[in-house]
PDB file of all heavy atoms in Angstrom:
ATOM      1  N   ASP A   1      91.696  73.133 143.690  1.00  0.00           N
ATOM      2  CA  ASP A   1      92.681  73.009 142.630  1.00  0.00           C
ATOM      3  C   ASP A   1      93.273  74.348 142.281  1.00  0.00           C
ATOM      4  O   ASP A   1      93.454  74.709 141.079  1.00  0.00           O
ATOM      5  CB  ASP A   1      92.027  72.355 141.369  1.00  0.00           C
ATOM      6  CG  ASP A   1      93.029  71.896 140.355  1.00  0.00           C
ATOM      7  OD1 ASP A   1      94.254  71.661 140.714  1.00  0.00           O
ATOM      8  OD2 ASP A   1      92.661  71.758 139.170  1.00  0.00           O
ATOM      9  N   GLY A   2      93.663  75.084 143.326  1.00  0.00           N
ATOM     10  CA  GLY A   2      94.301  76.405 143.134  1.00  0.00           C
ATOM     11  C   GLY A   2      95.820  76.234 143.105  1.00  0.00           C
ATOM     12  O   GLY A   2      96.329  75.321 142.480  1.00  0.00           O
ATOM     13  N   LEU A   3      96.517  77.125 143.794  1.00  0.00           N
ATOM     14  CA  LEU A   3      97.945  76.946 143.911  1.00  0.00           C
ATOM     15  C   LEU A   3      98.239  75.726 144.857  1.00  0.00           C
ATOM     16  O   LEU A   3      97.464  75.423 145.751  1.00  0.00           O
ATOM     17  CB  LEU A   3      98.617  78.216 144.499  1.00  0.00           C
ATOM     18  CG  LEU A   3      98.495  79.420 143.590  1.00  0.00           C
ATOM     19  CD1 LEU A   3      99.189  80.629 144.272  1.00  0.00           C
ATOM     20  CD2 LEU A   3      99.047  79.162 142.216  1.00  0.00           C
ATOM     21  N   HIS A   4      99.374  75.056 144.630  1.00  0.00           N
ATOM     22  CA  HIS A   4      99.533  73.717 145.134  1.00  0.00           C
ATOM     23  C   HIS A   4     100.591  73.627 146.252  1.00  0.00           C
ATOM     24  O   HIS A   4     101.203  72.545 146.469  1.00  0.00           O
ATOM     25  CB  HIS A   4      99.830  72.707 144.042  1.00  0.00           C
ATOM     26  CG  HIS A   4      98.686  72.575 143.055  1.00  0.00           C
ATOM     27  ND1 HIS A   4      98.668  73.261 141.886  1.00  0.00           N
ATOM     28  CD2 HIS A   4      97.551  71.892 143.162  1.00  0.00           C
ATOM     29  CE1 HIS A   4      97.517  72.926 141.274  1.00  0.00           C
ATOM     30  NE2 HIS A   4      96.829  72.123 142.001  1.00  0.00           N
ATOM     31  N   ASP A   5     100.816  74.668 147.016  1.00  0.00           N
ATOM     32  CA  ASP A   5     101.636  74.615 148.158  1.00  0.00           C
ATOM     33  C   ASP A   5     100.791  74.440 149.433  1.00  0.00           C
ATOM     34  O   ASP A   5      99.548  74.739 149.393  1.00  0.00           O
ATOM     35  CB  ASP A   5     102.534  75.863 148.287  1.00  0.00           C
ATOM     36  CG  ASP A   5     101.689  77.143 148.301  1.00  0.00           C
ATOM     37  OD1 ASP A   5     101.339  77.576 147.142  1.00  0.00           O
ATOM     38  OD2 ASP A   5     101.357  77.689 149.334  1.00  0.00           O
ATOM     39  N   ARG A   6     101.362  74.045 150.542  1.00  0.00           N
ATOM     40  CA  ARG A   6     100.550  73.739 151.723  1.00  0.00           C
ATOM     41  C   ARG A   6      99.802  74.961 152.221  1.00  0.00           C
ATOM     42  O   ARG A   6      98.589  74.891 152.545  1.00  0.00           O
ATOM     43  CB  ARG A   6     101.563  73.264 152.846  1.00  0.00           C
ATOM     44  CG  ARG A   6     100.908  73.127 154.225  1.00  0.00           C
ATOM     45  CD  ARG A   6      99.937  71.998 154.382  1.00  0.00           C
ATOM     46  NE  ARG A   6      99.263  71.926 155.663  1.00  0.00           N
ATOM     47  CZ  ARG A   6      99.609  71.124 156.607  1.00  0.00           C
ATOM     48  NH1 ARG A   6     100.653  70.275 156.452  1.00  0.00           N
ATOM     49  NH2 ARG A   6      98.944  71.076 157.767  1.00  0.00           N
ATOM     50  N   GLU A   7     100.403  76.158 152.233  1.00  0.00           N
ATOM     51  CA  GLU A   7      99.751  77.303 152.757  1.00  0.00           C
ATOM     52  C   GLU A   7      98.517  77.659 151.954  1.00  0.00           C
ATOM     53  O   GLU A   7      97.479  77.956 152.528  1.00  0.00           O
ATOM     54  CB  GLU A   7     100.654  78.534 152.731  1.00  0.00           C
ATOM     55  CG  GLU A   7     100.018  79.852 153.257  1.00  0.00           C
ATOM     56  CD  GLU A   7     100.978  81.022 153.182  1.00  0.00           C
ATOM     57  OE1 GLU A   7     102.133  80.888 152.775  1.00  0.00           O
ATOM     58  OE2 GLU A   7     100.497  82.129 153.573  1.00  0.00           O
ATOM     59  N   ASN A   8      98.605  77.609 150.568  1.00  0.00           N
ATOM     60  CA  ASN A   8      97.489  78.001 149.809  1.00  0.00           C
ATOM     61  C   ASN A   8      96.446  76.928 149.774  1.00  0.00           C
ATOM     62  O   ASN A   8      95.184  77.293 149.748  1.00  0.00           O
ATOM     63  CB  ASN A   8      97.966  78.356 148.387  1.00  0.00           C
ATOM     64  CG  ASN A   8      98.472  79.750 148.281  1.00  0.00           C
ATOM     65  OD1 ASN A   8      97.732  80.753 148.384  1.00  0.00           O
ATOM     66  ND2 ASN A   8      99.819  79.882 148.091  1.00  0.00           N
ATOM     67  N   VAL A   9      96.756  75.712 149.730  1.00  0.00           N
ATOM     68  CA  VAL A   9      95.712  74.616 149.774  1.00  0.00           C
ATOM     69  C   VAL A   9      94.961  74.703 151.094  1.00  0.00           C
ATOM     70  O   VAL A   9      93.713  74.602 151.093  1.00  0.00           O
ATOM     71  CB  VAL A   9      96.429  73.250 149.652  1.00  0.00           C
ATOM     72  CG1 VAL A   9      95.368  72.152 149.880  1.00  0.00           C
ATOM     73  CG2 VAL A   9      97.007  73.069 148.211  1.00  0.00           C
ATOM     74  N   GLU A  10      95.668  74.898 152.171  1.00  0.00           N
ATOM     75  CA  GLU A  10      94.970  74.978 153.465  1.00  0.00           C
ATOM     76  C   GLU A  10      94.117  76.226 153.521  1.00  0.00           C
ATOM     77  O   GLU A  10      92.934  76.153 153.964  1.00  0.00           O
ATOM     78  CB  GLU A  10      95.988  75.010 154.635  1.00  0.00           C
ATOM     79  CG  GLU A  10      95.257  75.063 155.989  1.00  0.00           C
ATOM     80  CD  GLU A  10      96.192  74.547 157.119  1.00  0.00           C
ATOM     81  OE1 GLU A  10      97.376  74.353 156.919  1.00  0.00           O
ATOM     82  OE2 GLU A  10      95.625  74.451 158.218  1.00  0.00           O
ATOM     83  N   ARG A  11      94.595  77.346 153.057  1.00  0.00           N
ATOM     84  CA  ARG A  11      93.824  78.584 153.049  1.00  0.00           C
ATOM     85  C   ARG A  11      92.506  78.426 152.158  1.00  0.00           C
ATOM     86  O   ARG A  11      91.438  78.890 152.555  1.00  0.00           O
ATOM     87  CB  ARG A  11      94.686  79.725 152.509  1.00  0.00           C
ATOM     88  CG  ARG A  11      94.016  81.112 152.637  1.00  0.00           C
ATOM     89  CD  ARG A  11      95.098  82.136 152.630  1.00  0.00           C
ATOM     90  NE  ARG A  11      96.056  82.068 151.500  1.00  0.00           N
ATOM     91  CZ  ARG A  11      97.014  82.981 151.263  1.00  0.00           C
ATOM     92  NH1 ARG A  11      97.151  84.011 152.108  1.00  0.00           N
ATOM     93  NH2 ARG A  11      97.839  82.831 150.244  1.00  0.00           N
ATOM     94  N   ASP A  12      92.651  77.771 151.023  1.00  0.00           N
ATOM     95  CA  ASP A  12      91.501  77.495 150.168  1.00  0.00           C
ATOM     96  C   ASP A  12      90.442  76.679 150.879  1.00  0.00           C
ATOM     97  O   ASP A  12      89.288  77.030 150.896  1.00  0.00           O
ATOM     98  CB  ASP A  12      91.937  76.778 148.905  1.00  0.00           C
ATOM     99  CG  ASP A  12      92.748  77.596 147.912  1.00  0.00           C
ATOM    100  OD1 ASP A  12      92.799  78.832 148.049  1.00  0.00           O
ATOM    101  OD2 ASP A  12      93.431  76.909 147.037  1.00  0.00           O
ATOM    102  N   PHE A  13      90.893  75.655 151.486  1.00  0.00           N
ATOM    103  CA  PHE A  13      89.991  74.744 152.173  1.00  0.00           C
ATOM    104  C   PHE A  13      89.318  75.396 153.377  1.00  0.00           C
ATOM    105  O   PHE A  13      88.074  75.341 153.598  1.00  0.00           O
ATOM    106  CB  PHE A  13      90.711  73.458 152.621  1.00  0.00           C
ATOM    107  CG  PHE A  13      89.815  72.492 153.393  1.00  0.00           C
ATOM    108  CD1 PHE A  13      88.905  71.684 152.730  1.00  0.00           C
ATOM    109  CD2 PHE A  13      89.928  72.482 154.816  1.00  0.00           C
ATOM    110  CE1 PHE A  13      88.113  70.802 153.463  1.00  0.00           C
ATOM    111  CE2 PHE A  13      89.131  71.582 155.500  1.00  0.00           C
ATOM    112  CZ  PHE A  13      88.222  70.749 154.842  1.00  0.00           C
ATOM    113  N   ARG A  14      90.141  76.007 154.228  1.00  0.00           N
ATOM    114  CA  ARG A  14      89.654  76.554 155.514  1.00  0.00           C
ATOM    115  C   ARG A  14      88.633  77.669 155.288  1.00  0.00           C
ATOM    116  O   ARG A  14      87.688  77.875 156.120  1.00  0.00           O
ATOM    117  CB  ARG A  14      90.774  77.121 156.368  1.00  0.00           C
ATOM    118  CG  ARG A  14      91.790  76.087 156.828  1.00  0.00           C
ATOM    119  CD  ARG A  14      91.248  74.943 157.653  1.00  0.00           C
ATOM    120  NE  ARG A  14      92.299  74.078 158.159  1.00  0.00           N
ATOM    121  CZ  ARG A  14      92.085  72.874 158.650  1.00  0.00           C
ATOM    122  NH1 ARG A  14      90.784  72.410 158.682  1.00  0.00           N
ATOM    123  NH2 ARG A  14      93.057  72.131 159.033  1.00  0.00           N
ATOM    124  N   HIS A  15      88.782  78.466 154.213  1.00  0.00           N
ATOM    125  CA  HIS A  15      87.791  79.511 153.926  1.00  0.00           C
ATOM    126  C   HIS A  15      86.404  79.028 153.748  1.00  0.00           C
ATOM    127  O   HIS A  15      85.496  79.649 154.176  1.00  0.00           O
ATOM    128  CB  HIS A  15      88.316  80.311 152.724  1.00  0.00           C
ATOM    129  CG  HIS A  15      87.471  81.601 152.511  1.00  0.00           C
ATOM    130  ND1 HIS A  15      87.581  82.662 153.273  1.00  0.00           N
ATOM    131  CD2 HIS A  15      86.519  81.843 151.577  1.00  0.00           C
ATOM    132  CE1 HIS A  15      86.735  83.604 152.878  1.00  0.00           C
ATOM    133  NE2 HIS A  15      86.065  83.117 151.779  1.00  0.00           N
ATOM    134  N   PHE A  16      86.369  77.862 153.111  1.00  0.00           N
ATOM    135  CA  PHE A  16      84.943  77.320 152.771  1.00  0.00           C
ATOM    136  C   PHE A  16      84.555  76.201 153.709  1.00  0.00           C
ATOM    137  O   PHE A  16      83.372  75.776 153.697  1.00  0.00           O
ATOM    138  CB  PHE A  16      84.971  76.786 151.362  1.00  0.00           C
ATOM    139  CG  PHE A  16      84.985  77.921 150.330  1.00  0.00           C
ATOM    140  CD1 PHE A  16      86.264  78.324 149.773  1.00  0.00           C
ATOM    141  CD2 PHE A  16      83.855  78.651 149.996  1.00  0.00           C
ATOM    142  CE1 PHE A  16      86.298  79.368 148.867  1.00  0.00           C
ATOM    143  CE2 PHE A  16      83.934  79.671 149.082  1.00  0.00           C
ATOM    144  CZ  PHE A  16      85.155  80.082 148.503  1.00  0.00           C
ATOM    145  N   GLU A  17      85.450  75.680 154.561  1.00  0.00           N
ATOM    146  CA  GLU A  17      85.182  74.570 155.423  1.00  0.00           C
ATOM    147  C   GLU A  17      83.907  74.818 156.309  1.00  0.00           C
ATOM    148  O   GLU A  17      83.077  73.843 156.475  1.00  0.00           O
ATOM    149  CB  GLU A  17      86.418  74.274 156.293  1.00  0.00           C
ATOM    150  CG  GLU A  17      86.155  73.086 157.266  1.00  0.00           C
ATOM    151  CD  GLU A  17      87.314  72.852 158.167  1.00  0.00           C
ATOM    152  OE1 GLU A  17      88.200  73.825 158.323  1.00  0.00           O
ATOM    153  OE2 GLU A  17      87.417  71.780 158.811  1.00  0.00           O
ATOM    154  N   PRO A  18      83.712  76.012 156.929  1.00  0.00           N
ATOM    155  CA  PRO A  18      82.546  76.163 157.780  1.00  0.00           C
ATOM    156  C   PRO A  18      81.234  75.948 157.105  1.00  0.00           C
ATOM    157  O   PRO A  18      80.237  75.787 157.774  1.00  0.00           O
ATOM    158  CB  PRO A  18      82.670  77.584 158.255  1.00  0.00           C
ATOM    159  CG  PRO A  18      84.121  77.940 158.133  1.00  0.00           C
ATOM    160  CD  PRO A  18      84.563  77.209 156.882  1.00  0.00           C
ATOM    161  N   TYR A  19      81.177  76.003 155.740  1.00  0.00           N
ATOM    162  CA  TYR A  19      79.954  75.914 155.026  1.00  0.00           C
ATOM    163  C   TYR A  19      79.729  74.518 154.403  1.00  0.00           C
ATOM    164  O   TYR A  19      78.707  74.298 153.769  1.00  0.00           O
ATOM    165  CB  TYR A  19      79.936  76.958 153.888  1.00  0.00           C
ATOM    166  CG  TYR A  19      80.194  78.313 154.391  1.00  0.00           C
ATOM    167  CD1 TYR A  19      81.525  78.893 154.372  1.00  0.00           C
ATOM    168  CD2 TYR A  19      79.246  79.099 155.007  1.00  0.00           C
ATOM    169  CE1 TYR A  19      81.783  80.153 154.844  1.00  0.00           C
ATOM    170  CE2 TYR A  19      79.426  80.340 155.513  1.00  0.00           C
ATOM    171  CZ  TYR A  19      80.744  80.909 155.473  1.00  0.00           C
ATOM    172  OH  TYR A  19      81.014  82.119 155.962  1.00  0.00           O
ATOM    173  N   LEU A  20      80.675  73.576 154.634  1.00  0.00           N
ATOM    174  CA  LEU A  20      80.479  72.258 154.160  1.00  0.00           C
ATOM    175  C   LEU A  20      79.343  71.500 154.856  1.00  0.00           C
ATOM    176  O   LEU A  20      79.372  71.484 156.094  1.00  0.00           O
ATOM    177  CB  LEU A  20      81.781  71.456 154.274  1.00  0.00           C
ATOM    178  CG  LEU A  20      82.949  71.920 153.433  1.00  0.00           C
ATOM    179  CD1 LEU A  20      84.242  71.178 153.835  1.00  0.00           C
ATOM    180  CD2 LEU A  20      82.695  71.735 151.898  1.00  0.00           C
ATOM    181  N   LEU A  21      78.439  70.971 154.127  1.00  0.00           N
ATOM    182  CA  LEU A  21      77.396  70.141 154.736  1.00  0.00           C
ATOM    183  C   LEU A  21      77.924  68.831 155.331  1.00  0.00           C
ATOM    184  O   LEU A  21      79.030  68.447 154.898  1.00  0.00           O
ATOM    185  CB  LEU A  21      76.272  69.861 153.715  1.00  0.00           C
ATOM    186  CG  LEU A  21      75.470  71.015 153.247  1.00  0.00           C
ATOM    187  CD1 LEU A  21      74.676  70.721 152.015  1.00  0.00           C
ATOM    188  CD2 LEU A  21      74.543  71.406 154.361  1.00  0.00           C
ATOM    189  N   PRO A  22      77.334  68.225 156.271  1.00  0.00           N
ATOM    190  CA  PRO A  22      77.876  67.021 156.918  1.00  0.00           C
ATOM    191  C   PRO A  22      78.187  65.923 155.943  1.00  0.00           C
ATOM    192  O   PRO A  22      79.168  65.165 156.120  1.00  0.00           O
ATOM    193  CB  PRO A  22      76.736  66.598 157.900  1.00  0.00           C
ATOM    194  CG  PRO A  22      76.032  67.806 158.227  1.00  0.00           C
ATOM    195  CD  PRO A  22      76.077  68.663 156.929  1.00  0.00           C
ATOM    196  N   ASP A  23      77.437  65.789 154.820  1.00  0.00           N
ATOM    197  CA  ASP A  23      77.736  64.777 153.874  1.00  0.00           C
ATOM    198  C   ASP A  23      78.416  65.359 152.551  1.00  0.00           C
ATOM    199  O   ASP A  23      78.438  64.670 151.514  1.00  0.00           O
ATOM    200  CB  ASP A  23      76.417  64.076 153.440  1.00  0.00           C
ATOM    201  CG  ASP A  23      75.418  65.017 152.760  1.00  0.00           C
ATOM    202  OD1 ASP A  23      75.630  66.257 152.874  1.00  0.00           O
ATOM    203  OD2 ASP A  23      74.492  64.507 152.154  1.00  0.00           O
ATOM    204  N   ALA A  24      79.061  66.507 152.693  1.00  0.00           N
ATOM    205  CA  ALA A  24      79.717  67.104 151.542  1.00  0.00           C
ATOM    206  C   ALA A  24      80.822  66.283 151.028  1.00  0.00           C
ATOM    207  O   ALA A  24      81.503  65.538 151.781  1.00  0.00           O
ATOM    208  CB  ALA A  24      80.203  68.506 151.907  1.00  0.00           C
ATOM    209  N   VAL A  25      81.087  66.349 149.767  1.00  0.00           N
ATOM    210  CA  VAL A  25      82.170  65.713 149.050  1.00  0.00           C
ATOM    211  C   VAL A  25      83.301  66.806 148.904  1.00  0.00           C
ATOM    212  O   VAL A  25      83.011  67.923 148.464  1.00  0.00           O
ATOM    213  CB  VAL A  25      81.786  65.164 147.696  1.00  0.00           C
ATOM    214  CG1 VAL A  25      82.964  64.611 146.944  1.00  0.00           C
ATOM    215  CG2 VAL A  25      80.757  64.051 147.829  1.00  0.00           C
ATOM    216  N   VAL A  26      84.532  66.450 149.200  1.00  0.00           N
ATOM    217  CA  VAL A  26      85.674  67.353 149.027  1.00  0.00           C
ATOM    218  C   VAL A  26      86.733  66.613 148.148  1.00  0.00           C
ATOM    219  O   VAL A  26      87.092  65.499 148.446  1.00  0.00           O
ATOM    220  CB  VAL A  26      86.270  67.821 150.302  1.00  0.00           C
ATOM    221  CG1 VAL A  26      87.480  68.714 150.041  1.00  0.00           C
ATOM    222  CG2 VAL A  26      85.271  68.464 151.250  1.00  0.00           C
ATOM    223  N   LEU A  27      87.159  67.328 147.124  1.00  0.00           N
ATOM    224  CA  LEU A  27      88.192  66.740 146.250  1.00  0.00           C
ATOM    225  C   LEU A  27      89.429  67.664 146.108  1.00  0.00           C
ATOM    226  O   LEU A  27      89.255  68.857 146.096  1.00  0.00           O
ATOM    227  CB  LEU A  27      87.675  66.491 144.825  1.00  0.00           C
ATOM    228  CG  LEU A  27      86.485  65.490 144.800  1.00  0.00           C
ATOM    229  CD1 LEU A  27      85.142  66.255 144.422  1.00  0.00           C
ATOM    230  CD2 LEU A  27      86.725  64.407 143.773  1.00  0.00           C
ATOM    231  N   PHE A  28      90.557  67.045 146.091  1.00  0.00           N
ATOM    232  CA  PHE A  28      91.858  67.797 145.898  1.00  0.00           C
ATOM    233  C   PHE A  28      92.533  67.230 144.679  1.00  0.00           C
ATOM    234  O   PHE A  28      92.730  66.014 144.539  1.00  0.00           O
ATOM    235  CB  PHE A  28      92.724  67.632 147.090  1.00  0.00           C
ATOM    236  CG  PHE A  28      92.255  68.212 148.395  1.00  0.00           C
ATOM    237  CD1 PHE A  28      91.367  67.502 149.217  1.00  0.00           C
ATOM    238  CD2 PHE A  28      92.594  69.505 148.733  1.00  0.00           C
ATOM    239  CE1 PHE A  28      90.889  68.057 150.342  1.00  0.00           C
ATOM    240  CE2 PHE A  28      92.157  70.082 149.906  1.00  0.00           C
ATOM    241  CZ  PHE A  28      91.270  69.378 150.770  1.00  0.00           C
ATOM    242  N   HIS A  29      92.923  68.155 143.809  1.00  0.00           N
ATOM    243  CA  HIS A  29      93.733  67.761 142.664  1.00  0.00           C
ATOM    244  C   HIS A  29      95.206  67.916 142.962  1.00  0.00           C
ATOM    245  O   HIS A  29      95.563  68.669 143.881  1.00  0.00           O
ATOM    246  CB  HIS A  29      93.382  68.564 141.424  1.00  0.00           C
ATOM    247  CG  HIS A  29      93.874  68.044 140.119  1.00  0.00           C
ATOM    248  ND1 HIS A  29      94.263  68.822 139.115  1.00  0.00           N
ATOM    249  CD2 HIS A  29      94.088  66.753 139.734  1.00  0.00           C
ATOM    250  CE1 HIS A  29      94.663  68.019 138.053  1.00  0.00           C
ATOM    251  NE2 HIS A  29      94.564  66.801 138.456  1.00  0.00           N
ATOM    252  N   ASP A  30      96.059  67.098 142.271  1.00  0.00           N
ATOM    253  CA  ASP A  30      97.511  67.139 142.492  1.00  0.00           C
ATOM    254  C   ASP A  30      97.948  66.677 143.811  1.00  0.00           C
ATOM    255  O   ASP A  30      98.856  67.169 144.466  1.00  0.00           O
ATOM    256  CB  ASP A  30      98.068  68.536 142.144  1.00  0.00           C
ATOM    257  CG  ASP A  30      97.985  68.835 140.613  1.00  0.00           C
ATOM    258  OD1 ASP A  30      98.511  68.099 139.848  1.00  0.00           O
ATOM    259  OD2 ASP A  30      97.351  69.791 140.289  1.00  0.00           O
ATOM    260  N   TYR A  31      97.190  65.664 144.372  1.00  0.00           N
ATOM    261  CA  TYR A  31      97.622  64.937 145.539  1.00  0.00           C
ATOM    262  C   TYR A  31      98.644  63.942 145.099  1.00  0.00           C
ATOM    263  O   TYR A  31      98.353  62.789 144.774  1.00  0.00           O
ATOM    264  CB  TYR A  31      96.410  64.278 146.185  1.00  0.00           C
ATOM    265  CG  TYR A  31      96.706  63.357 147.340  1.00  0.00           C
ATOM    266  CD1 TYR A  31      96.926  63.998 148.627  1.00  0.00           C
ATOM    267  CD2 TYR A  31      96.760  61.994 147.266  1.00  0.00           C
ATOM    268  CE1 TYR A  31      97.258  63.150 149.751  1.00  0.00           C
ATOM    269  CE2 TYR A  31      97.047  61.214 148.363  1.00  0.00           C
ATOM    270  CZ  TYR A  31      97.283  61.759 149.567  1.00  0.00           C
ATOM    271  OH  TYR A  31      97.602  61.007 150.656  1.00  0.00           O
ATOM    272  N   ALA A  32      99.905  64.371 144.981  1.00  0.00           N
ATOM    273  CA  ALA A  32     101.014  63.574 144.470  1.00  0.00           C
ATOM    274  C   ALA A  32     102.349  64.123 144.951  1.00  0.00           C
ATOM    275  O   ALA A  32     102.443  65.248 145.383  1.00  0.00           O
ATOM    276  CB  ALA A  32     100.937  63.580 142.958  1.00  0.00           C
ATOM    277  N   GLY A  33     103.394  63.311 144.814  1.00  0.00           N
ATOM    278  CA  GLY A  33     104.696  63.634 145.332  1.00  0.00           C
ATOM    279  C   GLY A  33     105.282  64.884 144.788  1.00  0.00           C
ATOM    280  O   GLY A  33     106.081  65.570 145.438  1.00  0.00           O
ATOM    281  N   TYR A  34     104.877  65.269 143.550  1.00  0.00           N
ATOM    282  CA  TYR A  34     105.431  66.515 142.949  1.00  0.00           C
ATOM    283  C   TYR A  34     104.905  67.776 143.624  1.00  0.00           C
ATOM    284  O   TYR A  34     105.421  68.862 143.394  1.00  0.00           O
ATOM    285  CB  TYR A  34     105.248  66.494 141.432  1.00  0.00           C
ATOM    286  CG  TYR A  34     103.864  66.201 140.938  1.00  0.00           C
ATOM    287  CD1 TYR A  34     102.865  67.180 140.951  1.00  0.00           C
ATOM    288  CD2 TYR A  34     103.514  64.937 140.462  1.00  0.00           C
ATOM    289  CE1 TYR A  34     101.588  66.909 140.476  1.00  0.00           C
ATOM    290  CE2 TYR A  34     102.252  64.688 140.032  1.00  0.00           C
ATOM    291  CZ  TYR A  34     101.286  65.652 140.031  1.00  0.00           C
ATOM    292  OH  TYR A  34     100.044  65.404 139.578  1.00  0.00           O
ATOM    293  N   TYR A  35     103.822  67.651 144.420  1.00  0.00           N
ATOM    294  CA  TYR A  35     103.316  68.755 145.176  1.00  0.00           C
ATOM    295  C   TYR A  35     103.130  68.277 146.594  1.00  0.00           C
ATOM    296  O   TYR A  35     102.060  67.992 147.049  1.00  0.00           O
ATOM    297  CB  TYR A  35     101.985  69.274 144.566  1.00  0.00           C
ATOM    298  CG  TYR A  35     102.133  70.139 143.422  1.00  0.00           C
ATOM    299  CD1 TYR A  35     101.385  69.860 142.245  1.00  0.00           C
ATOM    300  CD2 TYR A  35     103.003  71.220 143.392  1.00  0.00           C
ATOM    301  CE1 TYR A  35     101.529  70.690 141.104  1.00  0.00           C
ATOM    302  CE2 TYR A  35     103.135  71.998 142.278  1.00  0.00           C
ATOM    303  CZ  TYR A  35     102.370  71.804 141.127  1.00  0.00           C
ATOM    304  OH  TYR A  35     102.536  72.551 139.979  1.00  0.00           O
ATOM    305  N   PRO A  36     104.234  68.218 147.413  1.00  0.00           N
ATOM    306  CA  PRO A  36     104.178  67.657 148.722  1.00  0.00           C
ATOM    307  C   PRO A  36     103.299  68.416 149.679  1.00  0.00           C
ATOM    308  O   PRO A  36     102.792  67.861 150.638  1.00  0.00           O
ATOM    309  CB  PRO A  36     105.643  67.718 149.191  1.00  0.00           C
ATOM    310  CG  PRO A  36     106.289  68.698 148.291  1.00  0.00           C
ATOM    311  CD  PRO A  36     105.586  68.608 146.970  1.00  0.00           C
TER     312      PRO A  36
END
């Protein structure tokens, strides 16, 4: 739930992705048309 443009959302996720456990839960806020 950081900055809501594609570059920053992806950068946020990718930085921590390698550490996600197989059954990890991932949530994104502002998954809506106002932040494509």
